[in-house]
């Protein structure tokens, strides 16, 4: 079409490689599973897409950009003293007896007031009903009163039958709550 000099000044345009974007919603959901990392998900994505896959840095960049656009929140308004959210949190914590060196694992009980996020936490030896009830009593003493509603998670010591609409509470727990 033109001279060799013109070809060097105006090289033919090459079409950019089209990258195949992953389903970032699926990536986000997969990251919620234990042991799943972005590196692992990227490797699976590369296996499927081959040459059309983003490099790891771009994969992470695009995922983070997608995640930032997904920020949604559900504003919950709680009245003061209305709800106390209760559960055991996370993994157990080791407690070391200084006299004997014996190590026992303890569970962490947590109770949080909805309106103020005022929190009570303590370690107990188990999640059994006696420890569950005793932790509640110490929580009420710490707070200096009782809330209108107790909102436990579906812990076996609190709920005998979990249901989305009307769970069945353990009889002892229900009696303590009524008292």
C-alpha atoms as a PDB file:
ATOM      1  CA  UNK A   1       0.000   0.000   0.000  1.00  0.00           C
ATOM      2  CA  UNK A   2       2.726   2.488   0.878  1.00  0.00           C
ATOM      3  CA  UNK A   3       6.481   2.677   0.936  1.00  0.00           C
ATOM      4  CA  UNK A   4       8.641   0.640   3.381  1.00  0.00           C
ATOM      5  CA  UNK A   5       9.360   3.833   5.324  1.00  0.00           C
ATOM      6  CA  UNK A   6       5.647   4.502   5.624  1.00  0.00           C
ATOM      7  CA  UNK A   7       5.099   0.944   6.857  1.00  0.00           C
ATOM      8  CA  UNK A   8       7.701   1.500   9.565  1.00  0.00           C
ATOM      9  CA  UNK A   9       6.113   4.790  10.639  1.00  0.00           C
ATOM     10  CA  UNK A  10       2.577   3.467  10.531  1.00  0.00           C
ATOM     11  CA  UNK A  11       2.699  -0.241  11.364  1.00  0.00           C
ATOM     12  CA  UNK A  12      -0.428  -2.289  10.801  1.00  0.00           C
ATOM     13  CA  UNK A  13      -2.601  -2.346  13.899  1.00  0.00           C
ATOM     14  CA  UNK A  14      -2.864  -5.700  15.565  1.00  0.00           C
ATOM     15  CA  UNK A  15      -6.102  -6.605  17.208  1.00  0.00           C
ATOM     16  CA  UNK A  16      -5.861  -6.711  20.985  1.00  0.00           C
ATOM     17  CA  UNK A  17      -6.219 -10.077  22.657  1.00  0.00           C
ATOM     18  CA  UNK A  18      -9.705 -10.444  24.064  1.00  0.00           C
ATOM     19  CA  UNK A  19      -9.583 -11.540  27.668  1.00  0.00           C
ATOM     20  CA  UNK A  20     -12.305 -13.720  29.035  1.00  0.00           C
ATOM     21  CA  UNK A  21     -13.498 -12.174  32.285  1.00  0.00           C
ATOM     22  CA  UNK A  22     -14.341 -14.609  35.067  1.00  0.00           C
ATOM     23  CA  UNK A  23     -17.679 -14.600  36.862  1.00  0.00           C
ATOM     24  CA  UNK A  24     -16.673 -12.421  39.803  1.00  0.00           C
ATOM     25  CA  UNK A  25     -19.850 -13.269  41.713  1.00  0.00           C
ATOM     26  CA  UNK A  26     -18.807 -16.946  41.634  1.00  0.00           C
ATOM     27  CA  UNK A  27     -15.283 -15.942  42.682  1.00  0.00           C
ATOM     28  CA  UNK A  28     -16.735 -13.956  45.590  1.00  0.00           C
ATOM     29  CA  UNK A  29     -18.937 -16.864  46.699  1.00  0.00           C
ATOM     30  CA  UNK A  30     -16.047 -19.330  46.434  1.00  0.00           C
ATOM     31  CA  UNK A  31     -13.832 -17.115  48.623  1.00  0.00           C
ATOM     32  CA  UNK A  32     -16.288 -17.627  51.495  1.00  0.00           C
ATOM     33  CA  UNK A  33     -15.317 -21.305  51.687  1.00  0.00           C
ATOM     34  CA  UNK A  34     -12.545 -22.311  54.045  1.00  0.00           C
ATOM     35  CA  UNK A  35      -9.112 -22.624  52.432  1.00  0.00           C
ATOM     36  CA  UNK A  36     -10.066 -20.923  49.159  1.00  0.00           C
ATOM     37  CA  UNK A  37      -7.783 -18.096  48.002  1.00  0.00           C
ATOM     38  CA  UNK A  38      -7.683 -15.739  45.024  1.00  0.00           C
ATOM     39  CA  UNK A  39      -4.491 -17.494  43.889  1.00  0.00           C
ATOM     40  CA  UNK A  40      -6.301 -20.848  43.806  1.00  0.00           C
ATOM     41  CA  UNK A  41      -9.309 -19.425  41.954  1.00  0.00           C
ATOM     42  CA  UNK A  42      -7.037 -17.685  39.443  1.00  0.00           C
ATOM     43  CA  UNK A  43      -5.212 -20.971  38.737  1.00  0.00           C
ATOM     44  CA  UNK A  44      -8.565 -22.687  38.053  1.00  0.00           C
ATOM     45  CA  UNK A  45      -9.595 -19.777  35.803  1.00  0.00           C
ATOM     46  CA  UNK A  46      -6.318 -20.033  33.812  1.00  0.00           C
ATOM     47  CA  UNK A  47      -6.846 -23.779  33.382  1.00  0.00           C
ATOM     48  CA  UNK A  48     -10.198 -23.156  31.731  1.00  0.00           C
ATOM     49  CA  UNK A  49      -9.401 -19.985  29.742  1.00  0.00           C
ATOM     50  CA  UNK A  50      -5.796 -20.631  28.704  1.00  0.00           C
ATOM     51  CA  UNK A  51      -4.380 -17.730  26.616  1.00  0.00           C
ATOM     52  CA  UNK A  52      -7.526 -15.671  27.114  1.00  0.00           C
ATOM     53  CA  UNK A  53      -6.996 -15.497  30.885  1.00  0.00           C
ATOM     54  CA  UNK A  54      -5.895 -12.364  32.740  1.00  0.00           C
ATOM     55  CA  UNK A  55      -2.596 -12.469  34.577  1.00  0.00           C
ATOM     56  CA  UNK A  56      -2.887 -12.823  38.356  1.00  0.00           C
ATOM     57  CA  UNK A  57      -2.419  -9.105  39.112  1.00  0.00           C
ATOM     58  CA  UNK A  58      -5.159  -8.112  36.651  1.00  0.00           C
ATOM     59  CA  UNK A  59      -7.424 -10.887  37.953  1.00  0.00           C
ATOM     60  CA  UNK A  60      -7.072  -9.474  41.488  1.00  0.00           C
ATOM     61  CA  UNK A  61      -7.415  -5.879  40.290  1.00  0.00           C
ATOM     62  CA  UNK A  62     -10.655  -6.589  38.402  1.00  0.00           C
ATOM     63  CA  UNK A  63     -12.075  -8.674  41.259  1.00  0.00           C
ATOM     64  CA  UNK A  64     -11.396  -5.896  43.791  1.00  0.00           C
ATOM     65  CA  UNK A  65     -12.930  -3.311  41.474  1.00  0.00           C
ATOM     66  CA  UNK A  66     -16.005  -5.526  41.071  1.00  0.00           C
ATOM     67  CA  UNK A  67     -16.226  -6.049  44.853  1.00  0.00           C
ATOM     68  CA  UNK A  68     -16.072  -2.291  45.494  1.00  0.00           C
ATOM     69  CA  UNK A  69     -19.058  -1.768  43.202  1.00  0.00           C
ATOM     70  CA  UNK A  70     -21.048  -4.425  45.103  1.00  0.00           C
ATOM     71  CA  UNK A  71     -21.026  -2.692  48.455  1.00  0.00           C
ATOM     72  CA  UNK A  72     -24.460  -2.958  49.808  1.00  0.00           C
ATOM     73  CA  UNK A  73     -25.612  -2.515  53.336  1.00  0.00           C
ATOM     74  CA  UNK A  74     -28.771  -3.191  55.179  1.00  0.00           C
ATOM     75  CA  UNK A  75     -29.318  -0.504  57.737  1.00  0.00           C
ATOM     76  CA  UNK A  76     -30.818  -1.949  60.867  1.00  0.00           C
ATOM     77  CA  UNK A  77     -32.182   0.364  63.478  1.00  0.00           C
ATOM     78  CA  UNK A  78     -32.304  -1.010  67.013  1.00  0.00           C
ATOM     79  CA  UNK A  79     -33.931   0.661  69.984  1.00  0.00           C
ATOM     80  CA  UNK A  80     -31.816   0.895  73.125  1.00  0.00           C
ATOM     81  CA  UNK A  81     -32.207  -2.201  75.306  1.00  0.00           C
ATOM     82  CA  UNK A  82     -34.371  -3.984  72.727  1.00  0.00           C
ATOM     83  CA  UNK A  83     -32.177  -6.843  71.463  1.00  0.00           C
ATOM     84  CA  UNK A  84     -29.233  -8.830  72.762  1.00  0.00           C
ATOM     85  CA  UNK A  85     -27.464 -10.923  70.101  1.00  0.00           C
ATOM     86  CA  UNK A  86     -25.822 -14.003  71.599  1.00  0.00           C
ATOM     87  CA  UNK A  87     -23.510 -16.747  70.324  1.00  0.00           C
ATOM     88  CA  UNK A  88     -20.189 -18.473  70.744  1.00  0.00           C
ATOM     89  CA  UNK A  89     -17.577 -17.103  68.387  1.00  0.00           C
ATOM     90  CA  UNK A  90     -14.831 -18.611  66.300  1.00  0.00           C
ATOM     91  CA  UNK A  91     -12.452 -21.384  67.260  1.00  0.00           C
ATOM     92  CA  UNK A  92     -11.627 -22.348  70.826  1.00  0.00           C
ATOM     93  CA  UNK A  93      -8.825 -20.594  72.704  1.00  0.00           C
ATOM     94  CA  UNK A  94      -6.168 -22.454  74.692  1.00  0.00           C
ATOM     95  CA  UNK A  95      -6.090 -21.791  78.449  1.00  0.00           C
ATOM     96  CA  UNK A  96      -2.914 -22.829  80.267  1.00  0.00           C
ATOM     97  CA  UNK A  97      -2.995 -23.781  83.952  1.00  0.00           C
ATOM     98  CA  UNK A  98       0.129 -22.047  85.286  1.00  0.00           C
ATOM     99  CA  UNK A  99       0.515 -24.483  88.185  1.00  0.00           C
ATOM    100  CA  UNK A 100       0.342 -27.712  86.158  1.00  0.00           C
ATOM    101  CA  UNK A 101       1.029 -26.565  82.596  1.00  0.00           C
ATOM    102  CA  UNK A 102      -2.156 -28.333  81.460  1.00  0.00           C
ATOM    103  CA  UNK A 103      -3.734 -26.837  78.359  1.00  0.00           C
ATOM    104  CA  UNK A 104      -7.530 -26.834  77.989  1.00  0.00           C
ATOM    105  CA  UNK A 105      -9.530 -25.332  75.177  1.00  0.00           C
ATOM    106  CA  UNK A 106     -12.221 -22.805  76.075  1.00  0.00           C
ATOM    107  CA  UNK A 107     -15.144 -21.510  74.028  1.00  0.00           C
ATOM    108  CA  UNK A 108     -15.752 -17.751  73.788  1.00  0.00           C
ATOM    109  CA  UNK A 109     -19.300 -16.612  74.639  1.00  0.00           C
ATOM    110  CA  UNK A 110     -20.245 -13.217  73.182  1.00  0.00           C
ATOM    111  CA  UNK A 111     -23.345 -11.076  73.803  1.00  0.00           C
ATOM    112  CA  UNK A 112     -23.851  -7.744  72.007  1.00  0.00           C
ATOM    113  CA  UNK A 113     -26.582  -5.135  72.500  1.00  0.00           C
ATOM    114  CA  UNK A 114     -28.070  -4.180  69.124  1.00  0.00           C
ATOM    115  CA  UNK A 115     -28.339  -0.420  69.547  1.00  0.00           C
ATOM    116  CA  UNK A 116     -25.011   0.359  71.209  1.00  0.00           C
ATOM    117  CA  UNK A 117     -22.896  -2.682  70.281  1.00  0.00           C
ATOM    118  CA  UNK A 118     -22.022  -2.842  73.991  1.00  0.00           C
ATOM    119  CA  UNK A 119     -20.353  -6.238  74.284  1.00  0.00           C
ATOM    120  CA  UNK A 120     -19.878  -8.883  76.956  1.00  0.00           C
ATOM    121  CA  UNK A 121     -17.507 -11.788  76.316  1.00  0.00           C
ATOM    122  CA  UNK A 122     -16.165 -14.600  78.443  1.00  0.00           C
ATOM    123  CA  UNK A 123     -14.494 -17.980  78.046  1.00  0.00           C
ATOM    124  CA  UNK A 124     -16.356 -21.137  79.108  1.00  0.00           C
ATOM    125  CA  UNK A 125     -15.253 -24.766  79.112  1.00  0.00           C
ATOM    126  CA  UNK A 126     -18.103 -25.926  76.902  1.00  0.00           C
ATOM    127  CA  UNK A 127     -21.133 -24.815  74.916  1.00  0.00           C
ATOM    128  CA  UNK A 128     -23.369 -27.075  76.986  1.00  0.00           C
ATOM    129  CA  UNK A 129     -26.629 -25.802  78.470  1.00  0.00           C
ATOM    130  CA  UNK A 130     -25.287 -25.117  82.019  1.00  0.00           C
ATOM    131  CA  UNK A 131     -22.446 -22.941  80.652  1.00  0.00           C
ATOM    132  CA  UNK A 132     -24.829 -21.265  78.176  1.00  0.00           C
ATOM    133  CA  UNK A 133     -27.349 -20.327  80.907  1.00  0.00           C
ATOM    134  CA  UNK A 134     -24.622 -19.251  83.385  1.00  0.00           C
ATOM    135  CA  UNK A 135     -23.044 -16.997  80.738  1.00  0.00           C
ATOM    136  CA  UNK A 136     -26.426 -15.339  80.182  1.00  0.00           C
ATOM    137  CA  UNK A 137     -26.818 -14.672  83.904  1.00  0.00           C
ATOM    138  CA  UNK A 138     -23.348 -13.121  84.099  1.00  0.00           C
ATOM    139  CA  UNK A 139     -24.183 -11.048  80.983  1.00  0.00           C
ATOM    140  CA  UNK A 140     -27.363  -9.662  82.593  1.00  0.00           C
ATOM    141  CA  UNK A 141     -25.407  -8.851  85.753  1.00  0.00           C
ATOM    142  CA  UNK A 142     -22.714  -7.100  83.678  1.00  0.00           C
ATOM    143  CA  UNK A 143     -25.333  -5.092  81.757  1.00  0.00           C
ATOM    144  CA  UNK A 144     -27.261  -4.239  84.913  1.00  0.00           C
ATOM    145  CA  UNK A 145     -30.560  -5.435  83.422  1.00  0.00           C
ATOM    146  CA  UNK A 146     -32.173  -7.549  80.734  1.00  0.00           C
ATOM    147  CA  UNK A 147     -33.128  -6.703  77.141  1.00  0.00           C
ATOM    148  CA  UNK A 148     -36.618  -7.149  75.704  1.00  0.00           C
ATOM    149  CA  UNK A 149     -35.444  -9.848  73.273  1.00  0.00           C
ATOM    150  CA  UNK A 150     -32.699 -12.463  73.290  1.00  0.00           C
ATOM    151  CA  UNK A 151     -31.500 -13.303  69.786  1.00  0.00           C
ATOM    152  CA  UNK A 152     -29.389 -16.478  69.921  1.00  0.00           C
ATOM    153  CA  UNK A 153     -27.855 -18.126  66.914  1.00  0.00           C
ATOM    154  CA  UNK A 154     -28.937 -21.726  66.232  1.00  0.00           C
ATOM    155  CA  UNK A 155     -26.759 -23.183  68.984  1.00  0.00           C
ATOM    156  CA  UNK A 156     -27.939 -26.617  70.161  1.00  0.00           C
ATOM    157  CA  UNK A 157     -28.046 -25.421  73.783  1.00  0.00           C
ATOM    158  CA  UNK A 158     -30.540 -22.714  72.798  1.00  0.00           C
ATOM    159  CA  UNK A 159     -32.513 -24.163  69.885  1.00  0.00           C
ATOM    160  CA  UNK A 160     -33.765 -27.741  69.684  1.00  0.00           C
ATOM    161  CA  UNK A 161     -35.285 -27.361  66.212  1.00  0.00           C
ATOM    162  CA  UNK A 162     -34.050 -24.657  63.845  1.00  0.00           C
ATOM    163  CA  UNK A 163     -36.578 -23.089  61.508  1.00  0.00           C
ATOM    164  CA  UNK A 164     -36.442 -19.913  59.483  1.00  0.00           C
ATOM    165  CA  UNK A 165     -39.801 -18.670  60.774  1.00  0.00           C
ATOM    166  CA  UNK A 166     -40.319 -20.204  64.210  1.00  0.00           C
ATOM    167  CA  UNK A 167     -37.494 -22.107  65.853  1.00  0.00           C
ATOM    168  CA  UNK A 168     -38.190 -24.317  68.824  1.00  0.00           C
ATOM    169  CA  UNK A 169     -36.210 -23.222  71.880  1.00  0.00           C
ATOM    170  CA  UNK A 170     -34.703 -25.538  74.462  1.00  0.00           C
ATOM    171  CA  UNK A 171     -37.188 -25.705  77.376  1.00  0.00           C
ATOM    172  CA  UNK A 172     -34.647 -24.656  80.014  1.00  0.00           C
ATOM    173  CA  UNK A 173     -33.430 -21.752  77.894  1.00  0.00           C
ATOM    174  CA  UNK A 174     -36.991 -20.611  77.175  1.00  0.00           C
ATOM    175  CA  UNK A 175     -37.807 -20.742  80.882  1.00  0.00           C
ATOM    176  CA  UNK A 176     -34.724 -18.663  81.730  1.00  0.00           C
ATOM    177  CA  UNK A 177     -35.654 -16.127  79.037  1.00  0.00           C
ATOM    178  CA  UNK A 178     -39.230 -15.829  80.347  1.00  0.00           C
ATOM    179  CA  UNK A 179     -37.984 -15.341  83.900  1.00  0.00           C
END
